[in-house]
Amino acid sequence: MKDEWNADNKRLMEKIEETEEKLEKRERAKIRNNLVISGIDINRNNTELLKQSVMAMLDKELGLKIKIDKAHQIGLTREESAIQKRLRDFAREERRKGAEVRVKYKAVEVNGQTMQWNNKEHKLVPKNRCRGKS
C-alpha cells in the first residue's frame, strides 16, 4: 500500500512538473513578440491613442510602418514611481532605527502600524487618518 501511494505520488509530481513546464512555455511564447517601449507620456486609459502614438513614433524615429494589435501601459506612472521611491527611502531610514518595515503599494507598515500615502497632503499618514484619494 505504501509503495502504491509512493508511485501515485511520484506520478502526480511528474504531472505537476510537466504542467508547469507547459505553462511556462506558453507564457514565453505569449511574450515573445511583445515590444516594450518606455518614455511615452500618454493617458493610460485611452488604448487607441496609445496605439496611434506608438505607431507614429516608430514611423517617425525608425521609419517603420507597423500594425499594432494591442497596446497597453505597464508598470507605474512616473508619479507612482516617485511615491514608491519616497516610501522605500522612508522604509530604509526606519530600518536603520531598528523598526520592522514592509513597503506596500502607496503604503508602509512600520512595526505593525500601516501608514498610507495621502495625495492631498503629499505625505504618509496613519491609515485611519487617510481621507480622500490615496
Protein backbone atom coordinates (compact mmCIF):
# COMPACT_ATOMS: atom_id res chain seq x y z
CA MET A 1 0.00 0.00 0.00
CA LYS A 2 2.81 2.40 0.86
CA ASP A 3 4.55 1.52 -2.42
CA GLU A 4 1.32 2.19 -4.29
CA TRP A 5 0.95 5.55 -2.55
CA ASN A 6 4.58 6.45 -3.36
CA ALA A 7 4.07 5.51 -7.01
CA ASP A 8 0.91 7.63 -7.20
CA ASN A 9 2.70 10.50 -5.51
CA LYS A 10 5.59 10.25 -7.98
CA ARG A 11 3.20 10.22 -10.96
CA LEU A 12 1.36 13.26 -9.63
CA MET A 13 4.61 15.15 -9.05
CA GLU A 14 5.74 14.36 -12.61
CA LYS A 15 2.38 15.52 -13.96
CA ILE A 16 2.63 18.77 -11.98
CA GLU A 17 6.16 19.41 -13.29
CA GLU A 18 5.01 18.67 -16.85
CA THR A 19 2.06 21.04 -16.48
CA GLU A 20 4.29 23.78 -15.04
CA GLU A 21 6.71 23.39 -17.98
CA LYS A 22 3.84 23.68 -20.48
CA LEU A 23 2.52 26.77 -18.72
CA GLU A 24 5.96 28.38 -18.71
CA LYS A 25 6.39 27.65 -22.45
CA ARG A 26 3.03 29.26 -23.17
CA GLU A 27 3.97 32.33 -21.15
CA ARG A 28 7.28 32.67 -23.01
CA ALA A 29 5.54 32.22 -26.39
CA LYS A 30 2.94 34.80 -25.42
CA ILE A 31 5.53 37.49 -24.71
CA ARG A 32 7.99 36.56 -27.46
CA ASN A 33 6.56 39.03 -29.97
CA ASN A 34 5.98 41.81 -27.48
CA LEU A 35 7.77 45.12 -27.69
CA VAL A 36 8.22 47.25 -24.60
CA ILE A 37 8.67 50.98 -25.16
CA SER A 38 9.34 53.43 -22.36
CA GLY A 39 9.21 57.18 -22.15
CA ILE A 40 5.86 57.85 -23.82
CA ASP A 41 3.60 60.10 -21.75
CA ILE A 42 0.03 59.23 -22.64
CA ASN A 43 -3.33 58.74 -20.95
CA ARG A 44 -3.21 55.17 -19.67
CA ASN A 45 -6.95 54.68 -20.14
CA ASN A 46 -7.00 55.52 -23.87
CA THR A 47 -5.53 52.44 -25.59
CA GLU A 48 -6.42 53.64 -29.08
CA LEU A 49 -4.48 56.87 -28.57
CA LEU A 50 -1.60 54.83 -27.13
CA LYS A 51 -1.55 52.58 -30.24
CA GLN A 52 -1.58 55.59 -32.57
CA SER A 53 1.18 57.34 -30.61
CA VAL A 54 3.44 54.29 -30.68
CA MET A 55 2.84 53.69 -34.41
CA ALA A 56 3.58 57.37 -35.16
CA MET A 57 6.73 57.32 -33.02
CA LEU A 58 8.05 54.14 -34.68
CA ASP A 59 7.30 55.56 -38.13
CA LYS A 60 8.97 58.89 -37.38
CA GLU A 61 12.01 57.66 -35.44
CA LEU A 62 12.72 54.32 -37.13
CA GLY A 63 10.88 54.60 -40.43
CA LEU A 64 8.81 51.52 -39.57
CA LYS A 65 5.20 51.26 -40.66
CA ILE A 66 3.73 48.60 -38.42
CA LYS A 67 0.35 47.39 -37.25
CA ILE A 68 -0.21 47.11 -33.52
CA ASP A 69 -2.77 44.57 -32.35
CA LYS A 70 -2.89 45.65 -28.72
CA ALA A 71 -1.20 48.36 -26.70
CA HIS A 72 -1.34 48.97 -23.01
CA GLN A 73 0.76 50.70 -20.42
CA ILE A 74 2.51 48.55 -17.88
CA GLY A 75 4.14 49.42 -14.61
CA LEU A 76 3.78 52.51 -12.53
CA THR A 77 3.31 56.05 -13.75
CA ARG A 78 6.14 58.49 -13.09
CA GLU A 79 4.21 59.94 -10.17
CA GLU A 80 3.59 56.49 -8.69
CA SER A 81 7.27 55.59 -9.16
CA ALA A 82 8.31 58.77 -7.35
CA ILE A 83 5.93 57.99 -4.48
CA GLN A 84 7.22 54.42 -4.20
CA LYS A 85 10.80 55.72 -4.14
CA ARG A 86 9.94 58.07 -1.28
CA LEU A 87 8.34 55.15 0.57
CA ARG A 88 11.43 52.96 0.05
CA ASP A 89 13.67 55.78 1.32
CA PHE A 90 11.42 56.23 4.36
CA ALA A 91 11.49 52.46 4.99
CA ARG A 92 15.29 52.37 4.75
CA GLU A 93 15.56 55.12 7.37
CA GLU A 94 13.08 53.38 9.69
CA ARG A 95 15.00 50.10 9.37
CA ARG A 96 18.19 51.94 10.38
CA LYS A 97 16.34 52.97 13.55
CA GLY A 98 15.59 49.28 14.18
CA ALA A 99 11.96 49.16 13.05
CA GLU A 100 10.42 46.24 11.20
CA VAL A 101 9.19 47.70 7.91
CA ARG A 102 7.21 46.45 4.90
CA VAL A 103 6.72 48.59 1.81
CA LYS A 104 3.39 48.18 0.03
CA TYR A 105 1.71 49.99 -2.85
CA LYS A 106 1.34 53.60 -1.63
CA ALA A 107 1.70 52.40 1.96
CA VAL A 108 4.31 51.40 4.53
CA GLU A 109 3.85 49.17 7.54
CA VAL A 110 6.14 50.12 10.44
CA ASN A 111 6.14 47.74 13.41
CA GLY A 112 2.63 46.59 12.51
CA GLN A 113 1.15 50.08 12.03
CA THR A 114 0.15 50.89 8.46
CA MET A 115 0.73 54.34 7.06
CA GLN A 116 -0.77 55.29 3.68
CA TRP A 117 0.28 57.87 1.13
CA ASN A 118 -2.12 60.81 1.08
CA ASN A 119 -2.16 62.55 -2.31
CA LYS A 120 -3.69 65.75 -0.93
CA GLU A 121 -1.07 66.18 1.80
CA HIS A 122 1.74 64.58 -0.24
CA LYS A 123 2.93 62.58 2.74
CA LEU A 124 2.43 59.41 4.72
CA VAL A 125 -0.38 59.49 7.26
CA PRO A 126 -1.68 56.84 9.66
CA LYS A 127 -4.14 54.64 7.76
CA ASN A 128 -7.19 55.64 9.82
CA ARG A 129 -6.42 59.34 9.09
CA CYS A 130 -6.13 58.93 5.33
CA ARG A 131 -9.02 60.71 3.67
CA GLY A 132 -9.78 61.33 0.04
CA LYS A 133 -7.98 59.91 -2.93
CA SER A 134 -4.91 57.92 -1.92
